């Protein structure tokens, strides 16, 4: 690596977070510029995907349990939420969320004399994250609910025979088995979620002070060089690396969940990318 490329990395590696050079390069773009800045923007994609996935996992668990509940006041709202977010395109959800958020009073909402500022909700880091969180919660909840309904009756009967009830049965039998059954499909959902973070660029949520995601910088170089065949493949390369990382990480968890099964009986992860949501 040349000294000039080392300097470019030092200047732009964390530019998307507000550190390093504030002014984007104007000319004489090199591959080092493109790899560094697009990689810097990828930090935001990882931020969106990771937080939405983590918080969405717990929300999906609650929604799946609510949908499986015999109580209508729990089941019906969960079914409606899942239907709405699975039944509408993610792209439309982004635009609707942005339009709703910008309609909030810019001075903030008054609650008991306390003014709650709402301007921050129009920023991508908050508004777009909220949409991704709600969307993945709905899809993951449907996956978990299907797995919960597929838990073998023999496992439940065995738990009853051992005298396990309530929380013990759920923690030791129902939920581990549900995760084991749902994990291959949930892995595909996690991969798609990280790919879906690229839609944030088109959603209307602004990039604060040019601190955009990977696609923001890829478009910057495509516009400046009039050559989209270098920056966009670089962005795709980074997302392939993210996908391989997810496959490795979720594969480790899958092996952990199925460690008690004989080797030939352990389900293998089958990655089935979704072309359209």
Protein backbone atom coordinates (compact mmCIF):
# COMPACT_ATOMS: atom_id res chain seq x y z
CA UNK A 1 0.00 0.00 0.00
CA UNK A 2 1.41 3.33 -1.02
CA UNK A 3 1.84 6.23 1.35
CA UNK A 4 -0.79 8.20 -0.57
CA UNK A 5 -3.38 5.46 -0.10
CA UNK A 6 -2.47 5.24 3.57
CA UNK A 7 -3.11 8.95 3.87
CA UNK A 8 -6.45 8.64 2.03
CA UNK A 9 -7.56 5.94 4.47
CA UNK A 10 -6.47 8.08 7.41
CA UNK A 11 -8.39 11.06 6.01
CA UNK A 12 -11.64 9.38 4.90
CA UNK A 13 -12.05 6.04 6.71
CA UNK A 14 -14.44 7.52 9.29
CA UNK A 15 -15.74 10.48 7.33
CA UNK A 16 -19.30 9.13 7.41
CA UNK A 17 -19.19 9.48 11.20
CA UNK A 18 -17.92 13.05 11.06
CA UNK A 19 -14.21 12.37 11.59
CA UNK A 20 -11.39 13.21 9.21
CA UNK A 21 -11.56 15.35 6.09
CA UNK A 22 -14.76 17.34 5.79
CA UNK A 23 -14.46 18.11 2.06
CA UNK A 24 -14.93 15.30 -0.41
CA UNK A 25 -12.25 14.91 -3.09
CA UNK A 26 -12.99 16.96 -6.20
CA UNK A 27 -10.93 15.18 -8.85
CA UNK A 28 -8.17 12.63 -9.47
CA UNK A 29 -10.23 9.86 -7.93
CA UNK A 30 -8.40 6.61 -7.32
CA UNK A 31 -9.61 3.15 -6.41
CA UNK A 32 -8.32 3.87 -2.93
CA UNK A 33 -10.67 6.87 -2.69
CA UNK A 34 -13.63 4.79 -3.79
CA UNK A 35 -12.93 1.77 -1.60
CA UNK A 36 -12.26 3.98 1.43
CA UNK A 37 -15.27 6.28 1.18
CA UNK A 38 -17.76 3.58 0.19
CA UNK A 39 -16.41 1.44 3.04
CA UNK A 40 -16.83 4.42 5.34
CA UNK A 41 -20.45 4.76 4.29
CA UNK A 42 -20.99 1.06 4.93
CA UNK A 43 -20.67 1.84 8.66
CA UNK A 44 -24.15 3.36 8.49
CA UNK A 45 -25.57 0.31 6.72
CA UNK A 46 -24.13 -1.91 9.43
CA UNK A 47 -25.57 0.46 12.05
CA UNK A 48 -29.06 0.28 10.53
CA UNK A 49 -28.96 -3.49 10.06
CA UNK A 50 -27.45 -4.38 13.42
CA UNK A 51 -29.73 -2.27 15.61
CA UNK A 52 -32.87 -3.15 13.65
CA UNK A 53 -31.97 -6.85 13.86
CA UNK A 54 -31.19 -6.83 17.59
CA UNK A 55 -34.24 -4.86 18.71
CA UNK A 56 -36.40 -6.53 16.07
CA UNK A 57 -35.53 -9.97 17.45
CA UNK A 58 -37.06 -9.16 20.83
CA UNK A 59 -40.06 -7.36 19.29
CA UNK A 60 -40.64 -10.32 16.95
CA UNK A 61 -40.56 -12.71 19.89
CA UNK A 62 -43.26 -10.72 21.68
CA UNK A 63 -45.34 -10.47 18.49
CA UNK A 64 -45.06 -14.20 17.79
CA UNK A 65 -46.20 -15.05 21.31
CA UNK A 66 -49.03 -12.53 21.07
CA UNK A 67 -50.18 -13.99 17.74
CA UNK A 68 -50.18 -17.48 19.27
CA UNK A 69 -52.16 -16.30 22.28
CA UNK A 70 -55.77 -17.52 22.69
CA UNK A 71 -56.66 -14.06 24.01
CA UNK A 72 -58.15 -11.95 21.23
CA UNK A 73 -57.02 -8.62 22.69
CA UNK A 74 -53.42 -9.82 22.32
CA UNK A 75 -53.71 -11.85 19.13
CA UNK A 76 -55.63 -9.43 16.90
CA UNK A 77 -53.31 -6.38 17.25
CA UNK A 78 -50.30 -8.62 16.59
CA UNK A 79 -51.95 -10.12 13.51
CA UNK A 80 -52.87 -6.65 12.23
CA UNK A 81 -49.34 -5.31 12.75
CA UNK A 82 -47.75 -8.26 10.97
CA UNK A 83 -50.25 -8.08 8.12
CA UNK A 84 -49.72 -4.36 7.52
CA UNK A 85 -45.92 -4.47 7.45
CA UNK A 86 -45.74 -7.72 5.48
CA UNK A 87 -48.49 -6.64 3.12
CA UNK A 88 -46.97 -3.33 2.04
CA UNK A 89 -43.67 -2.65 0.22
CA UNK A 90 -40.75 -1.55 2.36
CA UNK A 91 -40.08 1.30 -0.07
CA UNK A 92 -43.58 2.71 0.53
CA UNK A 93 -43.16 2.31 4.29
CA UNK A 94 -40.07 4.52 4.16
CA UNK A 95 -41.88 7.29 2.31
CA UNK A 96 -44.99 7.15 4.47
CA UNK A 97 -42.91 7.22 7.64
CA UNK A 98 -40.94 10.21 6.43
CA UNK A 99 -44.07 12.12 5.44
CA UNK A 100 -45.68 11.40 8.82
CA UNK A 101 -42.58 12.41 10.74
CA UNK A 102 -42.03 15.69 8.92
CA UNK A 103 -45.63 16.66 9.58
CA UNK A 104 -44.96 16.70 13.32
CA UNK A 105 -44.61 20.23 14.70
CA UNK A 106 -41.01 21.32 14.29
CA UNK A 107 -41.21 23.05 17.63
CA UNK A 108 -41.95 19.70 19.23
CA UNK A 109 -44.90 18.03 20.91
CA UNK A 110 -46.13 19.51 24.17
CA UNK A 111 -46.81 16.92 26.85
CA UNK A 112 -47.86 18.23 30.24
CA UNK A 113 -46.07 21.50 29.65
CA UNK A 114 -42.91 19.68 28.57
CA UNK A 115 -41.86 20.28 24.95
CA UNK A 116 -40.60 17.08 23.30
CA UNK A 117 -38.47 17.90 20.23
CA UNK A 118 -39.31 15.91 17.11
CA UNK A 119 -36.87 17.27 14.51
CA UNK A 120 -34.50 14.37 15.12
CA UNK A 121 -37.07 11.87 13.82
CA UNK A 122 -36.64 13.21 10.28
CA UNK A 123 -32.96 12.17 10.27
CA UNK A 124 -32.00 8.89 8.68
CA UNK A 125 -30.26 7.57 11.77
CA UNK A 126 -33.57 7.61 13.69
CA UNK A 127 -36.46 7.62 11.22
CA UNK A 128 -35.03 5.06 8.81
CA UNK A 129 -33.93 2.85 11.68
CA UNK A 130 -37.49 2.89 13.04
CA UNK A 131 -38.93 1.71 9.72
CA UNK A 132 -36.38 -1.11 9.38
CA UNK A 133 -37.05 -2.16 12.97
CA UNK A 134 -40.81 -2.34 12.45
CA UNK A 135 -40.47 -4.14 9.14
CA UNK A 136 -38.09 -6.84 10.31
CA UNK A 137 -40.11 -7.28 13.50
CA UNK A 138 -43.17 -8.20 11.42
CA UNK A 139 -41.35 -10.60 9.10
CA UNK A 140 -39.39 -12.23 11.92
CA UNK A 141 -42.54 -12.56 14.03
CA UNK A 142 -44.21 -14.54 11.25
CA UNK A 143 -41.15 -16.80 11.06
CA UNK A 144 -41.09 -17.36 14.81
CA UNK A 145 -44.85 -17.90 14.97
CA UNK A 146 -44.68 -20.57 12.27
CA UNK A 147 -41.85 -22.32 14.10
CA UNK A 148 -43.73 -22.06 17.41
CA UNK A 149 -46.74 -23.75 15.85
CA UNK A 150 -44.46 -26.46 14.44
CA UNK A 151 -42.99 -27.53 17.79
CA UNK A 152 -43.60 -31.30 17.97
CA UNK A 153 -46.47 -32.24 20.26
CA UNK A 154 -44.27 -34.99 21.67
CA UNK A 155 -41.90 -32.38 23.09
CA UNK A 156 -44.78 -30.60 24.81
CA UNK A 157 -46.19 -33.85 26.17
CA UNK A 158 -42.76 -34.80 27.48
CA UNK A 159 -42.49 -31.43 29.24
CA UNK A 160 -45.90 -32.01 30.83
CA UNK A 161 -44.83 -35.47 31.92
CA UNK A 162 -41.79 -34.00 33.67
CA UNK A 163 -44.03 -31.53 35.47
CA UNK A 164 -42.77 -28.44 33.64
CA UNK A 165 -45.34 -25.68 33.50
CA UNK A 166 -45.54 -22.06 32.42
CA UNK A 167 -42.20 -20.28 32.18
CA UNK A 168 -40.12 -23.45 32.68
CA UNK A 169 -41.80 -25.17 29.74
CA UNK A 170 -41.34 -22.12 27.54
CA UNK A 171 -37.70 -21.52 28.49
CA UNK A 172 -36.53 -25.14 28.31
CA UNK A 173 -38.71 -26.65 25.59
CA UNK A 174 -40.82 -24.30 23.50
CA UNK A 175 -38.44 -21.42 22.84
CA UNK A 176 -35.24 -23.44 22.18
CA UNK A 177 -37.14 -25.69 19.77
CA UNK A 178 -38.76 -22.66 18.11
CA UNK A 179 -35.38 -21.02 17.57
CA UNK A 180 -33.91 -24.22 16.18
CA UNK A 181 -36.74 -24.58 13.68
CA UNK A 182 -36.85 -20.90 12.75
CA UNK A 183 -33.14 -20.18 12.49
CA UNK A 184 -32.53 -21.05 8.80
CA UNK A 185 -35.40 -18.80 7.69
CA UNK A 186 -34.41 -16.12 10.18
CA UNK A 187 -30.89 -16.14 8.72
CA UNK A 188 -32.30 -15.26 5.32
CA UNK A 189 -34.35 -12.46 6.91
CA UNK A 190 -31.20 -11.05 8.54
CA UNK A 191 -29.35 -11.08 5.21
CA UNK A 192 -32.21 -9.35 3.44
CA UNK A 193 -32.44 -6.75 6.20
CA UNK A 194 -28.83 -5.70 5.66
CA UNK A 195 -29.42 -5.54 1.92
CA UNK A 196 -32.57 -3.46 2.54
CA UNK A 197 -30.52 -0.79 4.30
CA UNK A 198 -29.53 0.47 0.83
CA UNK A 199 -33.14 1.67 0.36
CA UNK A 200 -32.51 4.30 3.04
CA UNK A 201 -30.63 6.26 0.38
CA UNK A 202 -33.80 6.53 -1.76
CA UNK A 203 -36.26 6.97 1.09
CA UNK A 204 -36.19 10.73 1.49
CA UNK A 205 -34.44 10.68 4.85
CA UNK A 206 -31.55 13.15 4.47
CA UNK A 207 -27.88 12.34 4.94
CA UNK A 208 -26.70 14.74 7.63
CA UNK A 209 -23.71 16.85 6.47
CA UNK A 210 -22.93 14.39 3.65
CA UNK A 211 -22.52 11.56 6.18
CA UNK A 212 -24.25 9.07 3.96
CA UNK A 213 -24.24 5.31 3.60
CA UNK A 214 -22.37 3.15 1.09
CA UNK A 215 -24.78 3.92 -1.73
CA UNK A 216 -24.47 7.66 -1.08
CA UNK A 217 -20.73 7.57 -1.81
CA UNK A 218 -21.12 5.11 -4.67
CA UNK A 219 -23.50 7.55 -6.39
CA UNK A 220 -21.11 10.42 -5.65
CA UNK A 221 -18.29 8.72 -7.54
CA UNK A 222 -20.61 7.53 -10.33
CA UNK A 223 -21.80 11.12 -10.89
CA UNK A 224 -18.30 12.60 -10.76
CA UNK A 225 -16.59 10.05 -13.00
CA UNK A 226 -19.58 9.23 -15.24
CA UNK A 227 -18.63 5.60 -14.71
CA UNK A 228 -21.02 3.56 -12.54
CA UNK A 229 -19.20 0.30 -13.28
CA UNK A 230 -16.58 0.85 -10.59
CA UNK A 231 -18.27 2.36 -7.50
CA UNK A 232 -21.42 0.21 -7.57
CA UNK A 233 -19.53 -3.10 -7.87
CA UNK A 234 -17.37 -1.92 -4.96
CA UNK A 235 -20.52 -1.35 -2.91
CA UNK A 236 -21.76 -4.81 -3.96
CA UNK A 237 -18.41 -6.30 -2.93
CA UNK A 238 -18.77 -4.82 0.56
CA UNK A 239 -22.29 -6.20 0.91
CA UNK A 240 -21.09 -9.62 -0.19
CA UNK A 241 -18.54 -9.46 2.63
CA UNK A 242 -21.33 -8.50 5.07
CA UNK A 243 -23.42 -11.41 3.78
CA UNK A 244 -20.56 -13.88 4.22
CA UNK A 245 -20.01 -12.57 7.74
CA UNK A 246 -23.68 -13.06 8.57
CA UNK A 247 -23.68 -16.57 7.13
CA UNK A 248 -20.66 -17.46 9.24
CA UNK A 249 -22.07 -15.92 12.43
CA UNK A 250 -25.56 -17.36 12.04
CA UNK A 251 -24.07 -20.70 11.02
CA UNK A 252 -22.20 -20.83 14.32
CA UNK A 253 -25.41 -20.08 16.22
CA UNK A 254 -27.25 -22.72 14.17
CA UNK A 255 -24.66 -25.33 15.11
CA UNK A 256 -24.98 -24.28 18.75
CA UNK A 257 -28.77 -24.62 18.66
CA UNK A 258 -28.51 -28.09 17.10
CA UNK A 259 -25.52 -29.36 19.06
CA UNK A 260 -27.61 -32.08 20.75
CA UNK A 261 -28.60 -33.69 17.43
CA UNK A 262 -26.55 -36.35 15.60
CA UNK A 263 -24.34 -34.86 12.91
CA UNK A 264 -26.33 -36.24 10.00
CA UNK A 265 -29.59 -34.94 11.49
CA UNK A 266 -28.48 -31.33 11.96
CA UNK A 267 -30.24 -28.97 9.54
CA UNK A 268 -27.98 -27.03 7.22
CA UNK A 269 -28.42 -23.35 6.51
CA UNK A 270 -29.81 -22.77 3.05
CA UNK A 271 -29.40 -19.20 1.93
CA UNK A 272 -32.28 -18.12 -0.29
CA UNK A 273 -31.92 -14.42 -1.11
CA UNK A 274 -35.19 -12.56 -1.63
CA UNK A 275 -35.32 -10.68 -4.90
CA UNK A 276 -38.19 -8.43 -3.87
CA UNK A 277 -39.88 -7.64 -0.56
